[in-house]
Protein backbone atom coordinates (compact mmCIF):
# COMPACT_ATOMS: atom_id res chain seq x y z
CA MET A 1 -66.28 -44.23 27.00
CA SER A 2 -65.44 -44.90 23.16
CA LEU A 3 -62.10 -43.45 21.83
CA ILE A 4 -62.18 -40.96 18.83
CA ASP A 5 -59.40 -40.72 16.93
CA VAL A 6 -59.39 -36.77 16.82
CA VAL A 7 -61.04 -34.14 18.54
CA VAL A 8 -61.19 -30.68 17.16
CA ILE A 9 -61.97 -27.62 19.64
CA GLY A 10 -63.45 -24.70 17.92
CA ALA A 11 -65.39 -24.54 14.92
CA GLY A 12 -64.06 -21.36 13.21
CA GLN A 13 -62.36 -20.98 10.09
CA ASN A 14 -59.40 -23.35 11.02
CA GLY A 15 -61.39 -25.69 12.71
CA LEU A 16 -64.05 -26.31 9.70
CA TYR A 17 -61.34 -26.80 7.39
CA ALA A 18 -59.45 -29.24 9.41
CA ALA A 19 -62.70 -31.14 9.81
CA LYS A 20 -63.10 -31.17 6.09
CA ARG A 21 -59.52 -32.32 5.78
CA LEU A 22 -59.95 -35.16 8.31
CA GLN A 23 -63.27 -36.18 6.69
CA GLU A 24 -61.68 -36.62 3.39
CA GLN A 25 -59.16 -38.63 4.79
CA GLY A 26 -61.75 -40.98 6.33
CA ILE A 27 -60.50 -40.16 9.80
CA ASN A 28 -62.89 -40.57 12.83
CA TYR A 29 -63.56 -37.04 14.03
CA LEU A 30 -65.41 -34.53 16.11
CA VAL A 31 -65.78 -30.86 16.34
CA LEU A 32 -66.73 -29.55 19.74
CA GLU A 33 -67.81 -25.72 19.55
CA ARG A 34 -68.65 -23.50 22.46
CA ASN A 35 -71.00 -21.17 20.67
CA ASN A 36 -72.94 -21.67 17.36
CA ILE A 37 -70.90 -21.83 14.28
CA GLY A 38 -69.97 -18.30 13.28
CA GLU A 39 -71.58 -16.64 16.43
CA VAL A 40 -68.36 -14.86 17.36
CA TRP A 41 -68.47 -13.21 14.13
CA ASP A 42 -72.03 -12.28 14.53
CA HIS A 43 -71.11 -10.42 17.82
CA ARG A 44 -68.24 -8.38 16.50
CA LEU A 45 -68.64 -4.60 16.21
CA GLN A 46 -71.73 -3.89 13.94
CA GLY A 47 -70.43 -2.08 10.53
CA MET A 48 -66.82 -3.33 10.99
CA LYS A 49 -65.16 -4.81 7.87
CA LEU A 50 -62.24 -7.21 7.31
CA PHE A 51 -59.20 -5.93 5.78
CA THR A 52 -58.81 -8.51 3.59
CA SER A 53 -61.14 -8.65 0.28
CA ARG A 54 -63.53 -11.32 -0.23
CA GLN A 55 -61.24 -13.19 -2.50
CA PHE A 56 -58.84 -13.72 0.48
CA CYS A 57 -61.83 -14.69 2.95
CA GLN A 58 -62.80 -18.09 1.80
CA LEU A 59 -61.89 -21.56 2.62
CA PRO A 60 -61.01 -24.18 0.19
CA GLY A 61 -63.73 -25.82 -1.81
CA LEU A 62 -66.43 -22.90 -1.31
CA GLU A 63 -66.34 -19.47 -2.68
CA PHE A 64 -67.37 -16.32 -0.78
CA PRO A 65 -70.33 -14.64 -2.23
CA GLY A 66 -69.99 -11.16 -3.43
CA ASP A 67 -67.65 -9.11 -5.34
CA PRO A 68 -64.21 -10.66 -4.77
CA GLN A 69 -62.50 -6.90 -4.73
CA ASP A 70 -64.90 -5.74 -2.03
CA PHE A 71 -64.20 -6.04 1.54
CA PRO A 72 -66.63 -7.94 3.57
CA ALA A 73 -68.64 -7.01 6.87
CA VAL A 74 -67.52 -9.00 9.86
CA SER A 75 -71.05 -10.49 10.00
CA GLU A 76 -70.81 -11.95 6.50
CA MET A 77 -67.98 -14.01 7.94
CA GLY A 78 -70.25 -15.96 10.46
CA GLN A 79 -72.96 -16.60 7.72
CA TYR A 80 -70.19 -18.06 5.35
CA LEU A 81 -68.87 -20.32 7.97
CA ARG A 82 -72.31 -21.93 8.55
CA ARG A 83 -72.77 -22.40 4.99
CA TYR A 84 -69.26 -23.87 4.79
CA ALA A 85 -70.24 -26.62 7.59
CA ASP A 86 -73.55 -27.15 6.08
CA THR A 87 -72.07 -27.73 2.42
CA PHE A 88 -69.60 -30.68 3.64
CA ASN A 89 -71.78 -31.85 6.61
CA LEU A 90 -69.15 -31.63 8.83
CA ASN A 91 -69.39 -33.35 12.27
CA ILE A 92 -70.17 -30.68 14.71
CA GLN A 93 -71.27 -30.68 18.26
CA GLN A 94 -72.15 -26.90 18.97
CA GLN A 95 -72.88 -25.22 22.25
CA THR A 96 -70.59 -27.54 23.86
CA ALA A 97 -67.66 -25.88 25.72
CA VAL A 98 -64.48 -27.69 26.91
CA ILE A 99 -64.12 -27.02 30.54
CA ALA A 100 -61.28 -29.40 31.02
CA MET A 101 -58.79 -31.59 29.23
CA GLU A 102 -55.84 -33.98 30.50
CA LYS A 103 -53.95 -36.76 29.55
CA ARG A 104 -54.50 -40.04 31.32
CA LEU A 105 -53.09 -43.44 30.17
CA GLY A 106 -52.01 -42.36 26.64
CA ALA A 107 -55.28 -40.65 25.74
CA PHE A 108 -56.94 -36.96 26.18
CA CYS A 109 -59.81 -37.16 28.69
CA ILE A 110 -62.01 -33.90 27.72
CA THR A 111 -64.78 -32.70 30.08
CA THR A 112 -67.44 -30.46 28.33
CA GLN A 113 -69.74 -28.05 30.16
CA ASN A 114 -72.83 -30.20 29.87
CA GLY A 115 -71.06 -32.95 31.69
CA THR A 116 -69.97 -35.16 28.65
CA GLU A 117 -66.67 -36.89 28.85
CA LEU A 118 -64.82 -37.60 26.00
CA SER A 119 -61.52 -39.59 24.88
CA ALA A 120 -59.47 -38.92 22.06
CA LYS A 121 -56.10 -40.18 20.64
CA VAL A 122 -55.45 -36.71 19.17
CA VAL A 123 -56.66 -33.14 20.05
CA ILE A 124 -56.39 -30.22 17.41
CA ASN A 125 -57.11 -26.86 19.37
CA THR A 126 -58.24 -24.27 16.63
CA THR A 127 -59.68 -21.59 19.29
CA GLY A 128 -56.97 -19.19 18.06
CA ALA A 129 -55.05 -16.38 19.85
CA ASN A 130 -58.18 -13.93 19.68
CA GLN A 131 -60.13 -15.08 22.52
CA SER A 132 -60.00 -13.02 25.76
CA PRO A 133 -59.84 -9.26 25.52
CA ILE A 134 -56.92 -7.49 27.13
CA ILE A 135 -58.01 -5.13 30.09
CA PRO A 136 -54.67 -3.81 31.67
CA LYS A 137 -54.35 -3.57 35.51
CA LEU A 138 -54.04 0.25 35.26
CA ALA A 139 -57.85 0.31 34.30
CA ASP A 140 -58.62 -0.02 38.02
CA GLY A 141 -57.62 3.18 38.38
CA LEU A 142 -60.21 5.25 36.47
CA SER A 143 -63.24 6.38 38.35
CA GLY A 144 -66.25 4.25 38.63
CA LYS A 145 -68.17 6.95 36.52
CA VAL A 146 -65.98 6.11 33.36
CA VAL A 147 -67.84 3.50 31.32
CA GLN A 148 -65.32 0.73 30.10
CA HIS A 149 -65.43 -1.43 27.11
CA SER A 150 -63.52 -4.10 25.53
CA ALA A 151 -63.18 -4.06 21.59
CA LEU A 152 -65.66 -6.61 21.43
CA LEU A 153 -68.46 -4.16 22.05
CA PRO A 154 -71.39 -5.28 19.62
CA SER A 155 -72.40 -1.51 18.57
CA LEU A 156 -71.00 1.98 18.76
CA ALA A 157 -74.45 3.08 19.23
CA ASP A 158 -73.97 2.04 22.60
CA ILE A 159 -71.57 5.03 23.08
CA GLU A 160 -73.71 8.23 24.05
CA SER A 161 -73.27 11.21 21.54
CA GLY A 162 -71.02 14.25 23.02
CA THR A 163 -68.97 12.03 25.19
CA ARG A 164 -65.34 12.08 25.78
CA VAL A 165 -64.22 8.78 24.29
CA LEU A 166 -60.52 7.33 24.67
CA VAL A 167 -59.79 4.43 22.33
CA VAL A 168 -56.62 2.59 23.69
CA GLY A 169 -54.83 0.73 21.01
CA ASP A 170 -54.28 1.70 17.28
CA GLY A 171 -54.67 -1.48 15.28
CA ALA A 172 -57.25 -1.99 12.63
CA THR A 173 -60.05 -2.36 15.47
CA GLY A 174 -59.11 0.66 17.45
CA ARG A 175 -58.85 2.85 14.57
CA GLN A 176 -62.23 1.76 13.05
CA ILE A 177 -63.63 2.47 16.59
CA ALA A 178 -62.08 6.04 16.73
CA GLY A 179 -63.27 6.75 13.22
CA GLY A 180 -66.65 5.45 13.72
CA LEU A 181 -67.44 7.83 16.95
CA ALA A 182 -65.41 10.86 15.51
CA THR A 183 -68.69 12.24 14.15
CA ARG A 184 -70.69 12.38 17.26
CA CYS A 185 -68.05 12.15 20.18
CA ASN A 186 -64.98 13.96 21.31
CA VAL A 187 -62.51 11.10 20.37
CA THR A 188 -58.82 10.76 21.34
CA LEU A 189 -56.80 7.68 20.45
CA SER A 190 -53.88 6.31 22.35
CA GLN A 191 -51.14 4.80 19.95
CA GLY A 192 -48.65 2.05 20.72
CA LYS A 193 -45.16 1.65 18.91
CA LYS A 194 -44.71 3.30 15.67
CA ARG A 195 -46.27 1.49 12.91
CA THR A 196 -47.22 2.26 9.07
CA PHE A 197 -50.69 2.07 7.72
CA PRO A 198 -50.51 1.08 3.94
CA PRO A 199 -53.77 1.37 2.00
CA ASN A 200 -55.98 -1.60 1.35
CA ILE A 201 -55.92 -1.07 -2.32
CA ILE A 202 -52.77 -0.47 -4.35
CA LEU A 203 -53.36 0.02 -8.27
CA GLY A 204 -56.80 -1.37 -7.98
CA LYS A 205 -55.79 -4.53 -6.10
CA ASP A 206 -55.96 -5.57 -2.52
CA ILE A 207 -52.52 -5.19 -0.83
CA PHE A 208 -52.51 -8.86 0.14
CA TRP A 209 -52.87 -9.56 -3.55
CA TRP A 210 -49.33 -8.19 -4.15
CA LEU A 211 -47.95 -9.51 -0.82
CA LYS A 212 -49.07 -13.11 -2.11
CA VAL A 213 -47.65 -12.78 -5.44
CA ALA A 214 -44.57 -11.11 -3.95
CA GLY A 215 -44.20 -14.32 -1.81
CA ILE A 216 -44.13 -12.14 1.39
CA LEU A 217 -47.32 -13.71 2.95
CA PHE A 218 -45.94 -17.17 3.02
CA ALA A 219 -42.34 -16.50 3.84
CA ASP A 220 -41.05 -18.53 6.64
CA PRO A 221 -41.13 -17.26 10.36
CA SER A 222 -37.52 -17.30 10.58
CA SER A 223 -36.66 -15.52 7.20
CA LYS A 224 -35.38 -12.08 6.85
CA VAL A 225 -38.32 -10.47 5.39
CA ALA A 226 -40.71 -12.09 8.39
CA GLN A 227 -38.33 -10.61 10.88
CA ILE A 228 -38.77 -7.08 9.09
CA ILE A 229 -42.39 -7.65 8.99
CA LYS A 230 -42.69 -8.59 12.74
CA LYS A 231 -40.56 -5.23 13.35
CA ARG A 232 -42.57 -2.75 11.42
CA ASN A 233 -46.14 -4.47 12.06
CA PRO A 234 -48.11 -2.72 9.37
CA VAL A 235 -51.82 -2.60 9.55
CA PRO A 236 -53.37 -2.24 6.00
CA CYS A 237 -55.82 0.31 7.51
CA GLY A 238 -55.14 3.34 5.21
CA GLN A 239 -58.67 4.74 5.30
CA PHE A 240 -57.94 5.22 9.12
CA ASN A 241 -54.25 6.38 9.19
CA ASN A 242 -53.03 9.36 11.18
CA LYS A 243 -53.68 11.91 8.58
CA HIS A 244 -57.27 10.61 7.93
CA LEU A 245 -58.35 10.36 11.62
CA ARG A 246 -57.11 13.88 12.30
CA ALA A 247 -59.17 15.14 9.44
CA MET A 248 -62.22 13.31 11.32
CA GLY A 249 -61.36 15.27 14.39
CA VAL A 250 -59.50 12.48 16.30
CA THR A 251 -56.85 13.66 18.71
CA LEU A 252 -53.78 11.32 18.73
CA LYS A 253 -51.82 10.81 21.61
CA GLY A 254 -48.94 8.42 22.64
CA ARG A 255 -48.76 5.44 24.77
CA LEU A 256 -51.24 5.41 28.02
CA VAL A 257 -49.01 5.27 31.06
CA ARG A 258 -51.27 6.01 33.62
CA VAL A 259 -54.84 6.98 34.89
CA ALA A 260 -56.29 8.65 37.85
CA ASP A 261 -59.91 8.80 38.37
CA ARG A 262 -61.05 10.68 35.15
CA ARG A 263 -57.71 11.92 34.10
CA VAL A 264 -55.48 9.75 31.85
CA TYR A 265 -51.88 10.40 31.30
CA PHE A 266 -49.78 9.38 27.94
CA ASN A 267 -46.00 9.55 27.36
CA ASP A 268 -46.61 12.89 25.60
CA GLY A 269 -49.18 14.54 27.56
CA ARG A 270 -52.45 14.32 29.78
CA LEU A 271 -56.18 14.36 28.99
CA ASP A 272 -58.01 15.90 31.87
CA GLY A 273 -61.42 14.34 31.43
CA VAL A 274 -62.80 11.23 29.87
CA ASP A 275 -66.12 9.64 30.15
CA VAL A 276 -65.79 6.33 28.29
CA VAL A 277 -62.56 4.18 27.61
CA ILE A 278 -62.44 1.47 24.90
CA TRP A 279 -59.71 -1.18 25.31
CA ALA A 280 -58.41 -2.68 21.78
CA ILE A 281 -55.13 -3.45 22.99
CA GLY A 282 -55.33 -7.02 21.88
CA TYR A 283 -56.26 -10.45 23.17
CA ARG A 284 -54.75 -13.34 25.03
CA ASP A 285 -55.24 -17.05 24.92
CA LYS A 286 -58.09 -18.82 27.03
CA THR A 287 -55.96 -21.56 28.72
CA ASP A 288 -57.59 -22.40 31.70
CA TRP A 289 -59.19 -25.40 30.78
CA LEU A 290 -55.93 -27.05 29.53
CA LYS A 291 -54.69 -28.98 32.47
CA ILE A 292 -51.13 -30.04 30.86
CA PRO A 293 -48.95 -27.41 32.31
CA GLU A 294 -45.98 -27.90 29.92
CA CYS A 295 -48.06 -26.65 27.13
CA ILE A 296 -48.88 -23.17 28.53
CA ASP A 297 -46.59 -20.23 29.21
CA GLU A 298 -47.36 -16.63 30.31
CA ARG A 299 -48.18 -15.69 26.77
CA GLY A 300 -50.51 -18.89 26.29
CA PHE A 301 -50.18 -21.90 24.65
CA THR A 302 -46.91 -23.23 23.61
CA GLN A 303 -46.18 -24.56 19.90
CA ASP A 304 -43.77 -24.86 17.25
CA ARG A 305 -45.32 -24.96 13.96
CA GLY A 306 -48.50 -26.53 15.25
CA LEU A 307 -46.72 -29.03 17.56
CA THR A 308 -47.12 -28.57 21.31
CA PRO A 309 -44.70 -30.13 24.00
CA GLU A 310 -47.59 -33.17 24.56
CA PRO A 311 -47.48 -35.36 21.78
CA GLY A 312 -50.77 -35.76 20.02
CA LEU A 313 -51.82 -32.27 21.29
CA PHE A 314 -51.73 -30.09 17.85
CA LEU A 315 -52.66 -26.30 17.75
CA ILE A 316 -53.92 -23.94 14.85
CA GLY A 317 -54.75 -20.38 14.63
CA GLN A 318 -51.39 -18.89 16.29
CA LYS A 319 -50.11 -15.96 14.82
CA TRP A 320 -46.82 -16.74 12.76
CA LEU A 321 -47.45 -20.59 13.16
CA SER A 322 -46.25 -21.19 9.53
CA CYS A 323 -46.06 -17.59 7.96
CA ARG A 324 -47.48 -13.85 8.17
CA ALA A 325 -50.59 -15.17 6.64
CA SER A 326 -51.20 -17.59 9.67
CA GLU A 327 -53.68 -15.06 11.39
CA LEU A 328 -55.39 -14.19 8.27
CA ILE A 329 -58.26 -16.54 6.77
CA LEU A 330 -56.20 -16.63 3.52
CA GLY A 331 -53.49 -18.44 5.83
CA VAL A 332 -56.03 -21.44 6.71
CA GLU A 333 -54.98 -23.63 4.14
CA LYS A 334 -51.29 -23.70 4.58
CA ASP A 335 -51.58 -23.98 8.39
CA VAL A 336 -54.24 -26.67 8.50
CA ASN A 337 -52.51 -28.48 5.70
CA LEU A 338 -49.23 -28.49 7.74
CA VAL A 339 -50.89 -29.64 10.94
CA ILE A 340 -53.15 -32.31 9.42
CA SER A 341 -50.20 -34.11 7.69
CA GLN A 342 -48.51 -34.19 11.07
CA VAL A 343 -51.77 -35.49 12.88
CA GLU A 344 -51.84 -38.20 10.16
CA SER A 345 -48.29 -39.31 10.71
CA PHE A 346 -49.07 -39.24 14.45
CA ILE A 347 -51.99 -41.87 14.00
CA LYS A 348 -50.22 -44.02 11.87
CA LYS A 349 -47.54 -44.83 14.29
CA GLY A 350 -50.19 -47.13 15.64
CA VAL A 351 -49.44 -45.90 19.52
CA CYS A 352 -51.73 -48.22 21.81
CA TYR A 353 -54.08 -46.01 23.77
CA GLU A 354 -56.26 -48.81 25.63
């Protein structure tokens, strides 16, 4: 079994740019992608749009097609990532899921779903934080007649017209789902902590243009401005703020606290009948494949600016890895450059893995 310098797990936006950087440095690498490139984006909710404009959806070296000021549909992101991989002829093995990885004799031993075993000096996990949708335990209390979906449902057309729908989670996804169903369903949106919903466009420019110019997007996670942002947790989804959703006919409720059969209880009241519940309360890391316990806690992978407790194992694609932009495509360049510089230093140490 030959020893690869670097194995990158995941061919999303972070994995692809990491591969490009490794390729430019002449480092022997291989990217493993469990699906096909861009497939995750292809399967996102039809019609959903990113809340960053095209100018902030491109990776270094390849322009994102279309009007830079316009907001692309999620399906366009999948197309773009495939073009990125082809343009730079990146070394990617698709439909190769990693099912186990451990450290033996100083090297990372990787087992894939098709039975292949690989050995690597360095592993960069870029699978990101949004892998497994969270379905809370209280969902078990709903009647079996209530249809339940995660926010990863492929199309709102799957929801029958006239049904009573509860959307739990008031981030950008939950709000777009609630607004998209409001014209033909009786929709209730369960909200969490109080947050603000600024408009996507301010004075003719993407709000992220202003945040970038002001230096807020790339502020250090420990800075005062970062702490304020974390506390307020704003979502640029002004088109679906509370005022607009109410105008569409959406009923806004507080935090969901209990369910019983078809009844659902909020901290500000009760809803006596529900036919469909859509859970849009977030995602968690998928960590069952990683057999290095010190790199996992109850929240998922453990890391500090891309470094894990295990030497040679790095992470990219985590929220607030280096700044607010870390969970956005426009933050890919900064995060990847940070981690790749650490990878280069690690490899240059000349550690013996034989």
